[in-house]
């Protein structure tokens, strides 16, 4: 079952269960997918839908941090609930050992020796870690491995 089909199926489940907050979050995700399909006049595959969901989680984390800085715990709770629902559709996160192994193999595969070749390493890693790890943290780990 594709990721889009899973979202639609869970929307129906949420409707039957009358889970309003869950339903609204899933509808928001489906709306983002549909918007991109209409804007680009394409049908999205699982990788594209995954990228949209990852972006949505990142946006909500940023918003939650800003609301927390503004002492708006009620809004922080809403953002965290939405993150929880969206993350159900993302693949299982990678452990730090798995990330280290992927970085080492990507560096070995590209024969990268300096920061100038970081783009090559990221190009190999991005499809492998999409939705399973924060690319910003991965980037930091790659930089650390080059400076070590």
N, C-alpha and C. Protein backbone atom coordinates (compact mmCIF):
# COMPACT_ATOMS: atom_id res chain seq x y z
N UNK A 1 0.85 -1.17 0.00
CA UNK A 1 0.00 0.00 0.00
C UNK A 1 0.90 1.24 0.00
N UNK A 2 0.63 2.15 -0.92
CA UNK A 2 1.44 3.35 -1.00
C UNK A 2 1.17 4.27 0.20
N UNK A 3 2.07 5.19 0.40
CA UNK A 3 1.96 6.13 1.52
C UNK A 3 0.70 6.98 1.38
N UNK A 4 0.37 7.39 0.17
CA UNK A 4 -0.83 8.18 -0.07
C UNK A 4 -2.08 7.37 0.26
N UNK A 5 -2.09 6.11 -0.12
CA UNK A 5 -3.23 5.24 0.19
C UNK A 5 -3.35 5.04 1.71
N UNK A 6 -2.22 4.92 2.38
CA UNK A 6 -2.24 4.78 3.84
C UNK A 6 -2.86 6.02 4.48
N UNK A 7 -2.48 7.20 3.99
CA UNK A 7 -3.04 8.43 4.53
C UNK A 7 -4.55 8.47 4.33
N UNK A 8 -5.00 8.12 3.12
CA UNK A 8 -6.43 8.14 2.83
C UNK A 8 -7.18 7.11 3.69
N UNK A 9 -6.59 5.95 3.86
CA UNK A 9 -7.20 4.90 4.66
C UNK A 9 -7.32 5.34 6.13
N UNK A 10 -6.26 5.94 6.65
CA UNK A 10 -6.28 6.40 8.04
C UNK A 10 -7.23 7.58 8.23
N UNK A 11 -7.45 8.36 7.17
CA UNK A 11 -8.43 9.45 7.24
C UNK A 11 -9.82 8.86 7.46
N UNK A 12 -10.12 7.79 6.74
CA UNK A 12 -11.42 7.14 6.90
C UNK A 12 -11.57 6.56 8.30
N UNK A 13 -10.51 5.96 8.81
CA UNK A 13 -10.53 5.39 10.16
C UNK A 13 -10.77 6.49 11.19
N UNK A 14 -10.08 7.62 11.01
CA UNK A 14 -10.24 8.75 11.94
C UNK A 14 -11.65 9.32 11.87
N UNK A 15 -12.24 9.34 10.67
CA UNK A 15 -13.63 9.82 10.53
C UNK A 15 -14.59 8.92 11.31
N UNK A 16 -14.43 7.61 11.13
CA UNK A 16 -15.31 6.67 11.82
C UNK A 16 -15.15 6.74 13.33
N UNK A 17 -13.91 6.97 13.78
CA UNK A 17 -13.64 7.05 15.22
C UNK A 17 -13.96 8.42 15.80
N UNK A 18 -14.33 9.35 14.93
CA UNK A 18 -14.61 10.73 15.33
C UNK A 18 -13.44 11.37 16.08
N UNK A 19 -12.22 11.05 15.60
CA UNK A 19 -10.99 11.63 16.17
C UNK A 19 -10.69 12.91 15.40
N UNK A 20 -11.22 14.01 15.90
CA UNK A 20 -11.18 15.27 15.16
C UNK A 20 -9.77 15.80 14.93
N UNK A 21 -8.94 15.79 15.96
CA UNK A 21 -7.59 16.34 15.81
C UNK A 21 -6.76 15.50 14.86
N UNK A 22 -6.88 14.17 14.98
CA UNK A 22 -6.16 13.27 14.09
C UNK A 22 -6.64 13.46 12.64
N UNK A 23 -7.94 13.55 12.49
CA UNK A 23 -8.54 13.72 11.18
C UNK A 23 -8.06 15.02 10.53
N UNK A 24 -8.04 16.10 11.29
CA UNK A 24 -7.63 17.38 10.72
C UNK A 24 -6.15 17.35 10.31
N UNK A 25 -5.32 16.66 11.08
CA UNK A 25 -3.89 16.57 10.74
C UNK A 25 -3.69 15.75 9.47
N UNK A 26 -4.40 14.64 9.35
CA UNK A 26 -4.29 13.80 8.15
C UNK A 26 -4.82 14.56 6.93
N UNK A 27 -5.91 15.27 7.11
CA UNK A 27 -6.45 16.07 6.00
C UNK A 27 -5.46 17.15 5.58
N UNK A 28 -4.77 17.74 6.55
CA UNK A 28 -3.78 18.76 6.25
C UNK A 28 -2.64 18.16 5.41
N UNK A 29 -2.22 16.96 5.76
CA UNK A 29 -1.17 16.29 5.00
C UNK A 29 -1.64 15.97 3.58
N UNK A 30 -2.85 15.46 3.47
CA UNK A 30 -3.40 15.15 2.14
C UNK A 30 -3.56 16.42 1.30
N UNK A 31 -3.93 17.51 1.94
CA UNK A 31 -4.07 18.78 1.22
C UNK A 31 -2.71 19.25 0.70
N UNK A 32 -1.67 19.08 1.50
CA UNK A 32 -0.33 19.47 1.06
C UNK A 32 0.11 18.64 -0.14
N UNK A 33 -0.20 17.34 -0.11
CA UNK A 33 0.14 16.46 -1.23
C UNK A 33 -0.63 16.89 -2.47
N UNK A 34 -1.92 17.11 -2.32
CA UNK A 34 -2.77 17.49 -3.45
C UNK A 34 -2.32 18.83 -4.04
N UNK A 35 -1.96 19.76 -3.16
CA UNK A 35 -1.51 21.08 -3.61
C UNK A 35 -0.26 20.96 -4.49
N UNK A 36 0.67 20.13 -4.06
CA UNK A 36 1.89 19.94 -4.85
C UNK A 36 1.59 19.25 -6.18
N UNK A 37 0.68 18.28 -6.15
CA UNK A 37 0.30 17.61 -7.40
C UNK A 37 -0.32 18.59 -8.39
N UNK A 38 -1.15 19.47 -7.89
CA UNK A 38 -1.81 20.46 -8.75
C UNK A 38 -0.80 21.49 -9.25
N UNK A 39 0.04 21.99 -8.34
CA UNK A 39 1.02 23.01 -8.72
C UNK A 39 1.97 22.51 -9.80
N UNK A 40 2.44 21.28 -9.65
CA UNK A 40 3.45 20.75 -10.57
C UNK A 40 2.85 19.89 -11.68
N UNK A 41 1.54 19.66 -11.61
CA UNK A 41 0.82 18.85 -12.60
C UNK A 41 1.46 17.47 -12.77
N UNK A 42 1.71 16.82 -11.63
CA UNK A 42 2.28 15.48 -11.63
C UNK A 42 1.56 14.63 -10.60
N UNK A 43 1.78 13.33 -10.67
CA UNK A 43 1.30 12.43 -9.63
C UNK A 43 2.51 12.08 -8.77
N UNK A 44 2.40 12.30 -7.48
CA UNK A 44 3.53 12.09 -6.58
C UNK A 44 3.71 10.61 -6.25
N UNK A 45 4.97 10.20 -6.13
CA UNK A 45 5.26 8.84 -5.67
C UNK A 45 5.52 8.86 -4.17
N UNK A 46 5.84 7.71 -3.60
CA UNK A 46 6.03 7.61 -2.15
C UNK A 46 7.16 8.51 -1.65
N UNK A 47 8.24 8.63 -2.43
CA UNK A 47 9.36 9.47 -2.00
C UNK A 47 8.95 10.94 -1.91
N UNK A 48 8.14 11.38 -2.86
CA UNK A 48 7.66 12.77 -2.85
C UNK A 48 6.73 13.02 -1.66
N UNK A 49 5.83 12.08 -1.40
CA UNK A 49 4.91 12.21 -0.27
C UNK A 49 5.70 12.20 1.04
N UNK A 50 6.71 11.35 1.11
CA UNK A 50 7.56 11.27 2.29
C UNK A 50 8.26 12.60 2.53
N UNK A 51 8.77 13.20 1.46
CA UNK A 51 9.44 14.50 1.58
C UNK A 51 8.49 15.57 2.11
N UNK A 52 7.24 15.54 1.66
CA UNK A 52 6.24 16.49 2.14
C UNK A 52 5.99 16.29 3.63
N UNK A 53 5.85 15.04 4.05
CA UNK A 53 5.59 14.75 5.47
C UNK A 53 6.78 15.15 6.34
N UNK A 54 7.99 14.91 5.86
CA UNK A 54 9.19 15.32 6.61
C UNK A 54 9.21 16.83 6.77
N UNK A 55 8.88 17.54 5.69
CA UNK A 55 8.84 19.00 5.74
C UNK A 55 7.79 19.49 6.73
N UNK A 56 6.64 18.82 6.74
CA UNK A 56 5.58 19.20 7.67
C UNK A 56 6.02 19.02 9.12
N UNK A 57 6.71 17.93 9.41
CA UNK A 57 7.19 17.69 10.77
C UNK A 57 8.20 18.77 11.16
N UNK A 58 9.10 19.10 10.25
CA UNK A 58 10.11 20.12 10.52
C UNK A 58 9.45 21.48 10.79
N UNK A 59 8.44 21.82 9.98
CA UNK A 59 7.73 23.09 10.18
C UNK A 59 7.06 23.12 11.56
N UNK A 60 6.47 22.01 11.95
CA UNK A 60 5.78 21.96 13.23
C UNK A 60 6.76 22.02 14.40
N UNK A 61 7.92 21.42 14.25
CA UNK A 61 8.94 21.51 15.30
C UNK A 61 9.40 22.95 15.47
N UNK A 62 9.63 23.62 14.33
CA UNK A 62 10.04 25.03 14.39
C UNK A 62 8.96 25.89 15.04
N UNK A 63 7.71 25.65 14.66
CA UNK A 63 6.60 26.42 15.23
C UNK A 63 6.47 26.15 16.72
N UNK A 64 6.62 24.88 17.12
CA UNK A 64 6.52 24.53 18.54
C UNK A 64 7.60 25.24 19.34
N UNK A 65 8.80 25.32 18.78
CA UNK A 65 9.89 26.01 19.48
C UNK A 65 9.57 27.50 19.64
N UNK A 66 9.02 28.10 18.59
CA UNK A 66 8.68 29.52 18.66
C UNK A 66 7.55 29.76 19.66
N UNK A 67 6.56 28.86 19.67
CA UNK A 67 5.47 29.01 20.63
C UNK A 67 5.98 28.81 22.06
N UNK A 68 6.92 27.90 22.21
CA UNK A 68 7.49 27.67 23.55
C UNK A 68 8.25 28.91 24.02
N UNK A 69 8.99 29.53 23.11
CA UNK A 69 9.72 30.76 23.45
C UNK A 69 8.75 31.89 23.84
N UNK A 70 7.54 31.85 23.27
CA UNK A 70 6.53 32.88 23.55
C UNK A 70 5.62 32.48 24.72
N UNK A 71 5.96 31.39 25.41
CA UNK A 71 5.17 30.89 26.56
C UNK A 71 3.72 30.60 26.17
N UNK A 72 3.52 29.95 25.02
CA UNK A 72 2.19 29.56 24.58
C UNK A 72 2.11 28.03 24.56
N UNK A 73 2.01 27.45 25.74
CA UNK A 73 2.01 25.99 25.86
C UNK A 73 0.82 25.35 25.16
N UNK A 74 -0.31 26.06 25.11
CA UNK A 74 -1.48 25.50 24.42
C UNK A 74 -1.19 25.26 22.94
N UNK A 75 -0.48 26.20 22.31
CA UNK A 75 -0.13 26.04 20.90
C UNK A 75 0.99 25.03 20.70
N UNK A 76 1.90 24.94 21.65
CA UNK A 76 2.96 23.93 21.60
C UNK A 76 2.33 22.54 21.60
N UNK A 77 1.34 22.33 22.46
CA UNK A 77 0.67 21.03 22.54
C UNK A 77 0.00 20.66 21.22
N UNK A 78 -0.62 21.62 20.55
CA UNK A 78 -1.27 21.36 19.26
C UNK A 78 -0.23 20.92 18.24
N UNK A 79 0.88 21.62 18.18
CA UNK A 79 1.95 21.28 17.22
C UNK A 79 2.51 19.89 17.51
N UNK A 80 2.72 19.58 18.78
CA UNK A 80 3.27 18.27 19.14
C UNK A 80 2.30 17.13 18.81
N UNK A 81 1.01 17.38 18.97
CA UNK A 81 0.01 16.37 18.59
C UNK A 81 0.06 16.12 17.08
N UNK A 82 0.19 17.18 16.32
CA UNK A 82 0.26 17.04 14.87
C UNK A 82 1.52 16.28 14.46
N UNK A 83 2.64 16.57 15.11
CA UNK A 83 3.89 15.86 14.83
C UNK A 83 3.71 14.37 15.09
N UNK A 84 3.07 14.02 16.20
CA UNK A 84 2.86 12.62 16.55
C UNK A 84 2.06 11.89 15.47
N UNK A 85 1.02 12.53 14.97
CA UNK A 85 0.19 11.91 13.93
C UNK A 85 0.97 11.75 12.64
N UNK A 86 1.68 12.78 12.22
CA UNK A 86 2.42 12.73 10.96
C UNK A 86 3.54 11.69 11.03
N UNK A 87 4.21 11.61 12.18
CA UNK A 87 5.33 10.67 12.31
C UNK A 87 4.89 9.21 12.20
N UNK A 88 3.61 8.93 12.40
CA UNK A 88 3.12 7.56 12.24
C UNK A 88 3.30 7.06 10.81
N UNK A 89 3.35 7.98 9.87
CA UNK A 89 3.46 7.62 8.46
C UNK A 89 4.90 7.63 7.96
N UNK A 90 5.83 8.06 8.81
CA UNK A 90 7.24 8.08 8.44
C UNK A 90 7.89 6.74 8.78
N UNK A 91 8.95 6.37 8.07
CA UNK A 91 9.64 5.12 8.39
C UNK A 91 10.32 5.20 9.76
N UNK A 92 10.70 4.04 10.27
CA UNK A 92 11.35 3.95 11.58
C UNK A 92 12.65 4.75 11.57
N UNK A 93 12.89 5.61 12.57
CA UNK A 93 14.11 6.41 12.59
C UNK A 93 15.36 5.54 12.70
N UNK A 94 16.45 6.05 12.14
CA UNK A 94 17.72 5.35 12.20
C UNK A 94 18.37 5.56 13.56
N UNK A 95 19.10 4.56 14.03
CA UNK A 95 19.86 4.71 15.26
C UNK A 95 21.16 5.43 14.93
N UNK A 96 21.85 5.93 15.95
CA UNK A 96 23.10 6.65 15.70
C UNK A 96 24.16 5.72 15.11
N UNK A 97 24.15 4.44 15.49
CA UNK A 97 25.11 3.49 14.92
C UNK A 97 24.83 3.27 13.43
N UNK A 98 23.55 3.17 13.07
CA UNK A 98 23.19 3.00 11.66
C UNK A 98 23.61 4.22 10.84
N UNK A 99 23.40 5.41 11.42
CA UNK A 99 23.77 6.65 10.73
C UNK A 99 25.28 6.69 10.53
N UNK A 100 26.05 6.36 11.57
CA UNK A 100 27.51 6.35 11.45
C UNK A 100 27.97 5.39 10.37
N UNK A 101 27.35 4.22 10.32
CA UNK A 101 27.71 3.23 9.30
C UNK A 101 27.41 3.73 7.89
N UNK A 102 26.25 4.36 7.72
CA UNK A 102 25.89 4.90 6.41
C UNK A 102 26.85 6.01 5.98
N UNK A 103 27.23 6.87 6.92
CA UNK A 103 28.16 7.96 6.60
C UNK A 103 29.51 7.39 6.18
N UNK A 104 30.01 6.42 6.94
CA UNK A 104 31.32 5.83 6.61
C UNK A 104 31.30 5.15 5.26
N UNK A 105 30.22 4.43 4.96
CA UNK A 105 30.17 3.75 3.67
C UNK A 105 30.03 4.75 2.52
N UNK A 106 29.28 5.85 2.74
CA UNK A 106 29.13 6.86 1.69
C UNK A 106 30.46 7.57 1.44
N UNK A 107 31.21 7.85 2.49
CA UNK A 107 32.52 8.49 2.33
C UNK A 107 33.47 7.55 1.59
N UNK A 108 33.43 6.27 1.95
CA UNK A 108 34.29 5.29 1.28
C UNK A 108 33.88 5.15 -0.19
N UNK A 109 32.59 5.14 -0.45
CA UNK A 109 32.09 4.97 -1.82
C UNK A 109 32.49 6.13 -2.73
N UNK A 110 32.51 7.34 -2.19
CA UNK A 110 32.85 8.52 -2.99
C UNK A 110 34.33 8.86 -2.93
N UNK A 111 35.08 8.19 -2.07
CA UNK A 111 36.50 8.48 -1.85
C UNK A 111 36.69 9.94 -1.44
N UNK A 112 35.73 10.46 -0.70
CA UNK A 112 35.79 11.86 -0.26
C UNK A 112 36.85 12.02 0.82
N UNK A 113 37.63 13.10 0.71
CA UNK A 113 38.69 13.34 1.68
C UNK A 113 38.60 14.71 2.33
N UNK A 114 37.73 15.58 1.81
CA UNK A 114 37.66 16.94 2.37
C UNK A 114 36.23 17.47 2.32
N UNK A 115 36.06 18.62 2.93
CA UNK A 115 34.75 19.26 2.98
C UNK A 115 34.23 19.63 1.58
N UNK A 116 35.14 19.85 0.62
CA UNK A 116 34.72 20.22 -0.73
C UNK A 116 33.92 19.10 -1.39
N UNK A 117 34.09 17.87 -0.92
CA UNK A 117 33.40 16.72 -1.51
C UNK A 117 32.18 16.29 -0.70
N UNK A 118 31.77 17.14 0.22
CA UNK A 118 30.63 16.81 1.07
C UNK A 118 29.34 16.64 0.27
N UNK A 119 29.18 17.39 -0.80
CA UNK A 119 27.99 17.29 -1.64
C UNK A 119 27.81 15.91 -2.23
N UNK A 120 28.93 15.28 -2.62
CA UNK A 120 28.87 13.92 -3.17
C UNK A 120 28.36 12.94 -2.10
N UNK A 121 28.87 13.11 -0.89
CA UNK A 121 28.47 12.22 0.21
C UNK A 121 26.99 12.42 0.54
N UNK A 122 26.55 13.67 0.60
CA UNK A 122 25.15 13.97 0.90
C UNK A 122 24.23 13.43 -0.20
N UNK A 123 24.68 13.48 -1.45
CA UNK A 123 23.86 12.98 -2.56
C UNK A 123 23.60 11.49 -2.41
N UNK A 124 24.56 10.76 -1.89
CA UNK A 124 24.38 9.32 -1.67
C UNK A 124 23.50 9.07 -0.44
N UNK A 125 23.72 9.85 0.61
CA UNK A 125 23.02 9.63 1.87
C UNK A 125 21.56 10.06 1.84
N UNK A 126 21.25 11.14 1.15
CA UNK A 126 19.90 11.72 1.21
C UNK A 126 18.79 10.70 0.91
N UNK A 127 18.87 9.94 -0.18
CA UNK A 127 17.78 8.97 -0.41
C UNK A 127 17.71 7.87 0.64
N UNK A 128 18.84 7.55 1.26
CA UNK A 128 18.87 6.48 2.25
C UNK A 128 18.28 6.90 3.59
N UNK A 129 18.41 8.18 3.93
CA UNK A 129 17.98 8.63 5.25
C UNK A 129 16.73 9.50 5.22
N UNK A 130 16.19 9.77 4.04
CA UNK A 130 15.00 10.62 3.89
C UNK A 130 13.88 10.14 4.81
N UNK A 131 13.46 11.00 5.71
CA UNK A 131 12.36 10.66 6.60
C UNK A 131 12.77 9.83 7.80
N UNK A 132 14.01 9.40 7.83
CA UNK A 132 14.46 8.52 8.92
C UNK A 132 15.47 9.21 9.82
N UNK A 133 16.01 10.35 9.38
CA UNK A 133 16.98 11.10 10.19
C UNK A 133 16.98 12.55 9.71
N UNK A 134 17.38 13.45 10.60
CA UNK A 134 17.45 14.87 10.28
C UNK A 134 18.69 15.13 9.42
N UNK A 135 18.48 15.66 8.22
CA UNK A 135 19.60 15.90 7.31
C UNK A 135 20.58 16.93 7.86
N UNK A 136 20.10 17.87 8.66
CA UNK A 136 20.99 18.85 9.27
C UNK A 136 21.98 18.19 10.23
N UNK A 137 21.48 17.24 11.02
CA UNK A 137 22.35 16.52 11.94
C UNK A 137 23.34 15.64 11.17
N UNK A 138 22.85 15.02 10.09
CA UNK A 138 23.72 14.18 9.26
C UNK A 138 24.85 15.04 8.69
N UNK A 139 24.51 16.22 8.22
CA UNK A 139 25.50 17.14 7.67
C UNK A 139 26.57 17.47 8.72
N UNK A 140 26.12 17.73 9.94
CA UNK A 140 27.06 18.02 11.02
C UNK A 140 27.98 16.84 11.32
N UNK A 141 27.44 15.63 11.27
CA UNK A 141 28.25 14.45 11.51
C UNK A 141 29.28 14.24 10.40
N UNK A 142 28.88 14.54 9.17
CA UNK A 142 29.84 14.42 8.04
C UNK A 142 30.97 15.43 8.22
N UNK A 143 30.62 16.65 8.59
CA UNK A 143 31.64 17.67 8.81
C UNK A 143 32.59 17.25 9.92
N UNK A 144 32.04 16.69 10.99
CA UNK A 144 32.86 16.22 12.10
C UNK A 144 33.80 15.10 11.66
N UNK A 145 33.33 14.22 10.79
CA UNK A 145 34.18 13.11 10.35
C UNK A 145 35.32 13.61 9.44
N UNK A 146 35.07 14.70 8.69
CA UNK A 146 36.14 15.25 7.85
C UNK A 146 37.17 16.00 8.69
N UNK A 147 36.73 16.63 9.77
CA UNK A 147 37.66 17.41 10.58
C UNK A 147 38.43 16.53 11.55
N UNK A 148 37.97 15.31 11.75
CA UNK A 148 38.66 14.41 12.69
C UNK A 148 39.89 13.79 12.07
